[in-house]
Amino acid sequence: NPGMPALLLQLAIVSAVFLIYVVSVVLENERAAEAKLQATLTLHELVAHNARDVIMLADFDGLPRYISPAVFALTGWNADETMHRGFAEVVRPADLDMVKTVVDQVRNGAECNAVEYRVMHRDGGYVWVEGSLRAIRDSRTAKTTGLLQIVRDISERKRAQEALQAAYRSV
């Protein structure tokens, strides 16, 4: 058939145009996803770098996978210096069992728990903190995989409580 080569050429051109269209749609979707991911990353960095509270993602031994820069203001150590330290190395020994109990509660199903304890400062002293612990769950299996901990300095509050107790005792 003499028209067959022209028909095959037209079919090839239509197929190529369709393929170019599909590739352009896929690339545009990829660009949009990258832009959304970049916006999320920028927002995360803004929050993490400007929060006064320490934001930490850790395993159940308190070993961080991520720790925000606010840890420096709290402890005198920067985030890189704290990445290898678990609860046993930073929590005051007298408070460690209490922290472990709360961690076990979160590991075993409690959605969120708070605990007051002391953490070591670079100068050798301890800082009173309040840790709010929440379970991190795998999005596919819902299995608990670690902790999200928000740590706040409560030293001023503790000093005020101690002063109030001392005033009551002196009356």
Protein backbone atom coordinates (compact mmCIF):
# COMPACT_ATOMS: atom_id res chain seq x y z
CA ASN A 1 0.00 0.00 0.00
CA PRO A 2 1.59 3.29 -1.05
CA GLY A 3 0.04 5.27 1.87
CA MET A 4 1.43 2.94 4.54
CA PRO A 5 4.84 4.65 4.98
CA ALA A 6 3.13 8.02 5.47
CA LEU A 7 0.71 6.49 7.98
CA LEU A 8 3.58 4.87 9.88
CA LEU A 9 5.46 8.19 9.89
CA GLN A 10 2.41 9.98 11.26
CA LEU A 11 1.97 7.30 13.93
CA ALA A 12 5.65 7.64 14.89
CA ILE A 13 5.32 11.44 15.12
CA VAL A 14 2.15 11.19 17.25
CA SER A 15 3.85 8.64 19.50
CA ALA A 16 6.92 10.86 19.89
CA VAL A 17 4.77 13.92 20.70
CA PHE A 18 2.79 11.89 23.24
CA LEU A 19 6.01 10.58 24.80
CA ILE A 20 7.44 14.11 25.00
CA TYR A 21 4.21 15.28 26.67
CA VAL A 22 4.29 12.45 29.24
CA VAL A 23 7.96 13.12 30.03
CA SER A 24 7.27 16.85 30.44
CA VAL A 25 4.36 16.15 32.82
CA VAL A 26 6.54 13.79 34.88
CA LEU A 27 9.38 16.34 34.99
CA GLU A 28 6.99 19.14 35.99
CA ASN A 29 5.56 16.98 38.80
CA GLU A 30 9.11 16.21 39.93
CA ARG A 31 9.98 19.92 39.93
CA ALA A 32 6.84 20.71 41.95
CA ALA A 33 7.68 17.96 44.45
CA GLU A 34 11.25 19.26 44.77
CA ALA A 35 9.97 22.81 45.35
CA LYS A 36 7.55 21.57 48.02
CA LEU A 37 10.33 19.55 49.67
CA GLN A 38 12.64 22.58 49.63
CA ALA A 39 9.93 24.76 51.19
CA THR A 40 9.41 22.15 53.92
CA LEU A 41 13.15 21.93 54.54
CA THR A 42 13.45 25.71 54.74
CA LEU A 43 10.57 25.85 57.23
CA HIS A 44 12.11 23.05 59.31
CA GLU A 45 15.45 24.85 59.43
CA LEU A 46 13.76 28.12 60.37
CA VAL A 47 11.94 26.49 63.28
CA ALA A 48 14.88 24.37 64.44
CA HIS A 49 17.40 27.22 64.34
CA ASN A 50 15.14 29.75 66.04
CA ALA A 51 13.43 27.65 68.72
CA ARG A 52 14.59 28.23 72.28
CA ASP A 53 13.62 24.67 73.22
CA VAL A 54 15.83 21.79 72.18
CA ILE A 55 14.24 19.54 69.56
CA MET A 56 15.66 16.03 69.54
CA LEU A 57 14.94 12.83 67.62
CA ALA A 58 16.50 9.91 69.47
CA ASP A 59 16.44 6.19 70.05
CA PHE A 60 15.13 4.76 73.32
CA ASP A 61 18.53 5.12 74.98
CA GLY A 62 18.44 8.85 74.25
CA LEU A 63 21.09 8.65 71.55
CA PRO A 64 20.21 11.50 69.16
CA ARG A 65 19.69 11.11 65.44
CA TYR A 66 18.98 14.83 65.28
CA ILE A 67 19.39 17.58 67.85
CA SER A 68 18.64 21.24 67.27
CA PRO A 69 21.16 24.05 67.71
CA ALA A 70 19.32 25.24 70.86
CA VAL A 71 21.24 22.55 72.75
CA PHE A 72 24.22 24.92 72.89
CA ALA A 73 22.34 27.55 74.92
CA LEU A 74 21.08 24.85 77.28
CA THR A 75 24.24 22.78 77.84
CA GLY A 76 27.22 24.65 76.43
CA TRP A 77 27.85 21.86 73.90
CA ASN A 78 26.95 22.21 70.25
CA ALA A 79 24.77 19.68 68.42
CA ASP A 80 27.75 17.83 66.90
CA GLU A 81 29.29 17.33 70.34
CA THR A 82 26.08 15.82 71.73
CA MET A 83 25.26 13.38 68.93
CA HIS A 84 27.12 10.50 70.58
CA ARG A 85 25.68 11.00 74.09
CA GLY A 86 22.69 9.04 75.35
CA PHE A 87 20.60 9.63 78.46
CA ALA A 88 23.08 7.82 80.70
CA GLU A 89 25.79 10.34 79.81
CA VAL A 90 23.83 13.58 80.13
CA VAL A 91 21.09 13.01 82.71
CA ARG A 92 22.02 13.46 86.36
CA PRO A 93 22.41 9.93 87.80
CA ALA A 94 19.80 10.59 90.51
CA ASP A 95 17.22 11.37 87.78
CA LEU A 96 18.13 8.63 85.30
CA ASP A 97 15.70 5.95 86.55
CA MET A 98 12.81 8.42 86.36
CA VAL A 99 13.73 9.34 82.77
CA LYS A 100 14.04 5.66 81.81
CA THR A 101 10.60 4.96 83.31
CA VAL A 102 9.00 7.69 81.20
CA VAL A 103 10.85 6.48 78.08
CA ASP A 104 9.56 2.94 78.71
CA GLN A 105 6.00 4.28 79.06
CA VAL A 106 6.29 6.00 75.67
CA ARG A 107 7.91 2.94 74.10
CA ASN A 108 5.02 0.80 75.39
CA GLY A 109 2.20 2.92 74.04
CA ALA A 110 1.86 6.20 75.93
CA GLU A 111 1.51 8.88 73.27
CA CYS A 112 3.19 11.65 75.20
CA ASN A 113 4.76 12.08 78.62
CA ALA A 114 6.61 14.87 80.36
CA VAL A 115 9.38 14.55 82.92
CA GLU A 116 11.48 17.03 84.89
CA TYR A 117 15.13 16.15 85.34
CA ARG A 118 18.62 17.61 85.29
CA VAL A 119 21.12 17.50 82.44
CA MET A 120 24.84 18.10 82.59
CA HIS A 121 26.19 21.47 81.51
CA ARG A 122 29.63 21.84 79.99
CA ASP A 123 30.78 23.74 83.11
CA GLY A 124 30.16 20.60 85.21
CA GLY A 125 26.91 21.74 86.79
CA TYR A 126 23.38 20.62 86.05
CA VAL A 127 20.46 22.42 84.42
CA TRP A 128 16.84 21.65 85.31
CA VAL A 129 14.82 20.77 82.21
CA GLU A 130 11.39 19.57 81.31
CA GLY A 131 11.34 16.96 78.58
CA SER A 132 8.18 16.30 76.63
CA LEU A 133 8.52 12.88 75.00
CA ARG A 134 6.42 11.55 72.16
CA ALA A 135 6.73 8.30 70.27
CA ILE A 136 7.97 8.33 66.68
CA ARG A 137 6.16 5.70 64.64
CA ASP A 138 7.01 4.14 61.30
CA SER A 139 4.40 5.44 58.85
CA ARG A 140 3.95 2.03 57.19
CA THR A 141 4.01 -0.34 60.17
CA ALA A 142 2.97 2.03 63.01
CA LYS A 143 5.79 0.45 65.02
CA THR A 144 7.40 2.74 67.60
CA THR A 145 10.90 3.51 66.35
CA GLY A 146 12.15 6.26 68.63
CA LEU A 147 11.43 9.45 70.50
CA LEU A 148 10.69 13.05 69.68
CA GLN A 149 11.76 15.05 72.69
CA ILE A 150 11.22 18.75 73.25
CA VAL A 151 13.48 19.93 76.09
CA ARG A 152 12.89 23.23 77.89
CA ASP A 153 15.06 24.93 80.49
CA ILE A 154 13.05 25.23 83.73
CA SER A 155 15.90 26.36 86.01
CA GLU A 156 14.20 29.67 86.84
CA ARG A 157 10.97 27.93 87.73
CA LYS A 158 12.83 25.47 89.97
CA ARG A 159 14.67 28.32 91.73
CA ALA A 160 11.37 30.12 92.32
CA GLN A 161 9.81 26.93 93.71
CA GLU A 162 12.76 26.39 96.04
CA ALA A 163 12.58 30.02 97.25
CA LEU A 164 8.86 29.66 97.89
CA GLN A 165 9.40 26.41 99.83
CA ALA A 166 12.16 28.04 101.87
CA ALA A 167 9.84 30.96 102.67
CA TYR A 168 7.12 28.55 103.82
CA ARG A 169 9.58 26.64 105.99
CA SER A 170 10.82 29.84 107.64
CA VAL A 171 7.30 30.91 108.66
